Amino acid sequence: MLTPALPDAVSAPALLLTAGGDGGWVPISQTITEWIHSFAGSPLALLVLAGLCFTDAFFPPVPAESIVIGLTSWYFASPGHVVALPGIFLCAVIGATLGDSFAFFLGTRIHVQRIKSWRNGKGEQAFERTAKLLHKRGTSFIFAARFVPGGRVAVNMCAGATGFPHSRFMRTDLAAVICWVSYGMSIGFASGSILGPINPLLATLVGMVGGVILSLLLDRLVARLQRRFQPGRPDSSEESTGSESEE
């Protein structure tokens, strides 16, 4: 049985090679690039994007934001091999908005306080803090939570569970989703435009990793703002006493 001869180790390490269809050896990066070309240029990419954005609204491990960034980065890094930008934008917005509405609906039907992670200790405190902030600063809170993967799930379900007005939720959420998608596409545009001429695959990976890092930083920022606007129990009791006296 004949096997393709390996190229010189200096020019192409064997660990980065894979057997090509013509019996030769090609870099793994080239194989991945060809696969991404075939996927990103297909309408299936838009269906997958919409589905992931929908699922991400109530199941945070789904990498919806990374897909938004990745497709946009690939669009600018490798023009002509990706679905149109308006399609990426619309499918992401529609999927995320429907997903957030579904999470809100789950909150109205499920007793979220019976969920184990929210039933006692820090979980219960987080639920109470979220409920108070929703009704004090609902618009800004829902808007900020959209940019935090785990935060948006908790806030959307809590909004449904605590009777937050659905029409107000929908208006705020739609604006937040549009900004969230625009934010992800901006990261993709930056990585694709800057690193695309060097290597499209590298541009996409850098954009997706950068998006994850920014999400973690935003998570820290929102948590810090939560603590700032919702102090500890002694302060909150004084605040509630003051509001009762004003009434």
Protein backbone atom coordinates (compact mmCIF):
# COMPACT_ATOMS: atom_id res chain seq x y z
CA MET A 1 0.00 0.00 0.00
CA LEU A 2 1.42 3.33 -1.06
CA THR A 3 1.29 6.32 1.28
CA PRO A 4 1.92 9.91 0.27
CA ALA A 5 5.42 11.08 1.02
CA LEU A 6 5.71 13.58 3.83
CA PRO A 7 7.09 17.02 2.95
CA ASP A 8 10.22 18.31 4.53
CA ALA A 9 9.74 18.60 8.30
CA VAL A 10 11.13 22.11 8.36
CA SER A 11 8.64 23.49 5.87
CA ALA A 12 5.54 21.67 7.22
CA PRO A 13 5.51 19.75 10.52
CA ALA A 14 3.82 16.34 10.21
CA LEU A 15 1.53 17.08 13.14
CA LEU A 16 -0.06 19.89 11.12
CA LEU A 17 -0.70 17.73 8.05
CA THR A 18 -3.59 15.58 6.96
CA ALA A 19 -4.04 13.30 3.98
CA GLY A 20 -5.65 15.04 1.02
CA GLY A 21 -8.12 13.56 -1.42
CA ASP A 22 -5.54 13.43 -4.21
CA GLY A 23 -3.19 11.24 -2.19
CA GLY A 24 -0.97 14.12 -1.06
CA TRP A 25 -0.53 15.86 2.24
CA VAL A 26 -2.18 19.21 2.99
CA PRO A 27 -2.07 21.42 6.11
CA ILE A 28 -4.88 20.84 8.59
CA SER A 29 -5.57 24.59 8.53
CA GLN A 30 -6.30 24.32 4.81
CA THR A 31 -8.74 21.47 5.42
CA ILE A 32 -10.52 23.47 8.12
CA THR A 33 -10.61 26.53 5.87
CA GLU A 34 -12.22 24.56 3.05
CA TRP A 35 -14.82 23.13 5.43
CA ILE A 36 -15.66 26.60 6.76
CA HIS A 37 -15.97 27.89 3.19
CA SER A 38 -18.54 25.22 2.38
CA PHE A 39 -20.51 25.76 5.60
CA ALA A 40 -20.40 29.57 5.86
CA GLY A 41 -21.53 30.01 2.28
CA SER A 42 -24.57 27.77 2.70
CA PRO A 43 -28.07 28.86 3.83
CA LEU A 44 -27.69 26.17 6.48
CA ALA A 45 -25.33 28.56 8.30
CA LEU A 46 -28.20 31.02 8.81
CA LEU A 47 -30.50 28.32 10.17
CA VAL A 48 -27.81 27.13 12.58
CA LEU A 49 -27.13 30.74 13.64
CA ALA A 50 -30.81 31.45 14.35
CA GLY A 51 -31.18 28.17 16.23
CA LEU A 52 -28.12 28.80 18.40
CA CYS A 53 -29.20 32.37 19.21
CA PHE A 54 -32.62 31.03 20.22
CA THR A 55 -31.21 28.26 22.41
CA ASP A 56 -28.56 30.52 23.97
CA ALA A 57 -31.32 32.64 25.52
CA PHE A 58 -32.17 29.87 28.01
CA PHE A 59 -29.12 27.58 27.76
CA PRO A 60 -25.94 29.71 28.16
CA PRO A 61 -23.33 27.08 27.15
CA VAL A 62 -24.48 27.42 23.53
CA PRO A 63 -21.88 29.65 21.75
CA ALA A 64 -24.30 31.94 19.87
CA GLU A 65 -22.19 35.07 20.23
CA SER A 66 -19.12 33.25 18.97
CA ILE A 67 -20.99 32.16 15.83
CA VAL A 68 -22.10 35.75 15.16
CA ILE A 69 -18.51 36.93 15.53
CA GLY A 70 -17.10 34.02 13.55
CA LEU A 71 -19.39 34.38 10.52
CA THR A 72 -18.88 38.15 10.39
CA SER A 73 -15.11 37.80 10.74
CA TRP A 74 -15.03 35.21 7.96
CA TYR A 75 -17.14 37.49 5.75
CA PHE A 76 -14.50 40.23 5.88
CA ALA A 77 -11.52 37.88 5.98
CA SER A 78 -12.62 35.79 3.00
CA PRO A 79 -15.09 37.80 0.87
CA GLY A 80 -17.45 35.87 -1.34
CA HIS A 81 -17.45 32.68 0.75
CA VAL A 82 -20.00 33.66 3.41
CA VAL A 83 -23.72 34.37 3.49
CA ALA A 84 -24.69 38.05 3.24
CA LEU A 85 -24.24 40.33 6.27
CA PRO A 86 -27.94 41.37 6.39
CA GLY A 87 -28.83 37.68 6.64
CA ILE A 88 -26.44 37.19 9.56
CA PHE A 89 -27.87 40.25 11.32
CA LEU A 90 -31.55 39.38 10.80
CA CYS A 91 -31.24 35.70 11.71
CA ALA A 92 -29.29 36.51 14.88
CA VAL A 93 -31.79 39.20 15.94
CA ILE A 94 -34.85 37.02 15.24
CA GLY A 95 -33.38 33.96 16.97
CA ALA A 96 -32.21 35.85 20.07
CA THR A 97 -35.47 37.82 20.44
CA LEU A 98 -37.61 34.69 20.18
CA GLY A 99 -35.30 32.92 22.64
CA ASP A 100 -35.57 35.72 25.20
CA SER A 101 -39.36 35.71 24.85
CA PHE A 102 -39.35 31.94 25.42
CA ALA A 103 -37.24 32.40 28.57
CA PHE A 104 -39.74 35.05 29.75
CA PHE A 105 -42.59 32.62 29.04
CA LEU A 106 -40.80 29.87 31.02
CA GLY A 107 -40.58 32.28 33.94
CA THR A 108 -44.35 32.77 33.90
CA ARG A 109 -45.01 29.01 33.87
CA ILE A 110 -42.25 27.63 36.07
CA HIS A 111 -41.85 28.46 39.76
CA VAL A 112 -38.28 29.61 39.38
CA GLN A 113 -37.80 29.89 43.13
CA ARG A 114 -38.16 26.12 43.28
CA ILE A 115 -35.12 25.68 41.07
CA LYS A 116 -32.40 24.19 43.23
CA SER A 117 -29.75 26.81 42.43
CA TRP A 118 -32.15 29.66 43.32
CA ARG A 119 -33.79 28.09 46.35
CA ASN A 120 -31.31 28.87 49.11
CA GLY A 121 -28.11 30.67 50.00
CA LYS A 122 -26.53 32.84 47.32
CA GLY A 123 -29.05 31.71 44.73
CA GLU A 124 -32.00 32.99 46.73
CA GLN A 125 -30.24 36.29 47.42
CA ALA A 126 -29.42 36.66 43.73
CA PHE A 127 -33.06 36.06 42.80
CA GLU A 128 -34.31 38.65 45.29
CA ARG A 129 -31.70 41.15 44.14
CA THR A 130 -32.60 40.57 40.50
CA ALA A 131 -36.33 40.99 41.20
CA LYS A 132 -35.75 44.29 43.01
CA LEU A 133 -33.48 45.66 40.32
CA LEU A 134 -35.91 44.62 37.60
CA HIS A 135 -38.70 46.69 39.07
CA LYS A 136 -36.46 49.63 39.99
CA ARG A 137 -34.26 49.80 36.90
CA GLY A 138 -35.92 47.34 34.55
CA THR A 139 -34.96 48.85 31.21
CA SER A 140 -31.27 49.34 31.92
CA PHE A 141 -31.01 46.04 33.79
CA ILE A 142 -32.55 43.95 30.98
CA PHE A 143 -30.40 45.79 28.47
CA ALA A 144 -27.16 45.13 30.36
CA ALA A 145 -28.04 41.49 31.10
CA ARG A 146 -28.32 40.75 27.36
CA PHE A 147 -24.53 41.03 27.11
CA VAL A 148 -23.91 38.50 29.92
CA PRO A 149 -24.62 34.85 28.89
CA GLY A 150 -25.77 33.54 32.28
CA GLY A 151 -27.18 36.88 33.36
CA ARG A 152 -29.70 37.19 30.54
CA VAL A 153 -31.20 33.78 31.34
CA ALA A 154 -31.72 34.67 35.00
CA VAL A 155 -33.06 38.15 34.25
CA ASN A 156 -35.44 37.04 31.49
CA MET A 157 -36.90 34.20 33.54
CA CYS A 158 -37.10 36.39 36.63
CA ALA A 159 -38.91 39.06 34.61
CA GLY A 160 -41.58 36.53 33.67
CA ALA A 161 -41.80 35.11 37.18
CA THR A 162 -42.24 38.49 38.91
CA GLY A 163 -44.91 39.87 36.59
CA PHE A 164 -42.76 42.35 34.69
CA PRO A 165 -44.89 43.91 31.88
CA HIS A 166 -44.39 41.81 28.76
CA SER A 167 -44.79 44.71 26.31
CA ARG A 168 -42.13 46.71 28.13
CA PHE A 169 -39.88 43.65 28.24
CA MET A 170 -40.25 43.09 24.49
CA ARG A 171 -39.42 46.70 23.60
CA THR A 172 -36.36 46.74 25.82
CA ASP A 173 -35.21 43.28 24.78
CA LEU A 174 -35.48 44.02 21.05
CA ALA A 175 -33.30 47.13 21.44
CA ALA A 176 -30.83 45.14 23.56
CA VAL A 177 -30.67 42.27 21.05
CA ILE A 178 -30.03 44.64 18.14
CA CYS A 179 -27.15 46.22 20.06
CA TRP A 180 -25.85 42.79 21.12
CA VAL A 181 -25.77 41.52 17.53
CA SER A 182 -24.19 44.77 16.32
CA TYR A 183 -21.57 44.45 19.07
CA GLY A 184 -20.70 40.89 18.02
CA MET A 185 -20.55 41.82 14.35
CA SER A 186 -18.29 44.78 15.18
CA ILE A 187 -15.82 42.42 16.83
CA GLY A 188 -15.99 40.17 13.78
CA PHE A 189 -15.48 43.15 11.47
CA ALA A 190 -12.41 44.27 13.42
CA SER A 191 -10.74 40.85 13.53
CA GLY A 192 -11.63 40.01 9.93
CA SER A 193 -10.44 43.33 8.52
CA ILE A 194 -7.19 43.43 10.47
CA LEU A 195 -6.11 39.78 10.45
CA GLY A 196 -8.03 38.54 7.41
CA PRO A 197 -5.29 39.45 4.89
CA ILE A 198 -2.83 37.43 7.00
CA ASN A 199 -4.95 34.35 7.64
CA PRO A 200 -8.79 34.09 7.58
CA LEU A 201 -8.81 31.21 10.06
CA LEU A 202 -6.61 33.13 12.50
CA ALA A 203 -8.85 36.19 12.16
CA THR A 204 -11.94 34.15 13.00
CA LEU A 205 -10.35 32.43 15.99
CA VAL A 206 -9.01 35.71 17.42
CA GLY A 207 -12.43 37.33 17.03
CA MET A 208 -14.23 34.47 18.78
CA VAL A 209 -11.73 34.29 21.64
CA GLY A 210 -11.85 38.08 21.99
CA GLY A 211 -15.63 37.92 22.23
CA VAL A 212 -15.44 35.37 25.05
CA ILE A 213 -12.95 37.52 26.97
CA LEU A 214 -15.11 40.62 26.57
CA SER A 215 -18.17 38.68 27.77
CA LEU A 216 -16.31 37.67 30.93
CA LEU A 217 -15.29 41.28 31.53
CA LEU A 218 -18.86 42.46 31.02
CA ASP A 219 -20.05 39.79 33.45
CA ARG A 220 -17.71 41.20 36.11
CA LEU A 221 -18.82 44.75 35.34
CA VAL A 222 -22.55 43.95 35.60
CA ALA A 223 -21.98 42.05 38.87
CA ARG A 224 -20.12 45.03 40.29
CA LEU A 225 -22.89 47.41 39.24
CA GLN A 226 -25.42 45.07 40.84
CA ARG A 227 -23.61 45.24 44.16
CA ARG A 228 -23.33 48.99 43.87
CA PHE A 229 -27.02 49.63 43.22
CA GLN A 230 -28.25 46.90 45.56
CA PRO A 231 -26.28 47.14 48.84
CA GLY A 232 -26.32 44.61 51.66
CA ARG A 233 -29.24 43.81 53.89
CA PRO A 234 -28.70 46.61 56.44
CA ASP A 235 -28.60 49.29 53.75
CA SER A 236 -31.50 47.84 51.82
CA SER A 237 -33.63 47.76 54.99
CA GLU A 238 -32.85 51.43 55.61
CA GLU A 239 -33.74 52.17 52.01
CA SER A 240 -37.06 50.38 52.26
CA THR A 241 -37.83 52.15 55.54
CA GLY A 242 -37.12 55.48 53.89
CA SER A 243 -39.39 54.71 50.96
CA GLU A 244 -42.22 53.66 53.30
CA SER A 245 -41.94 56.93 55.23
CA GLU A 246 -42.11 58.90 51.98
CA GLU A 247 -45.29 57.06 51.05
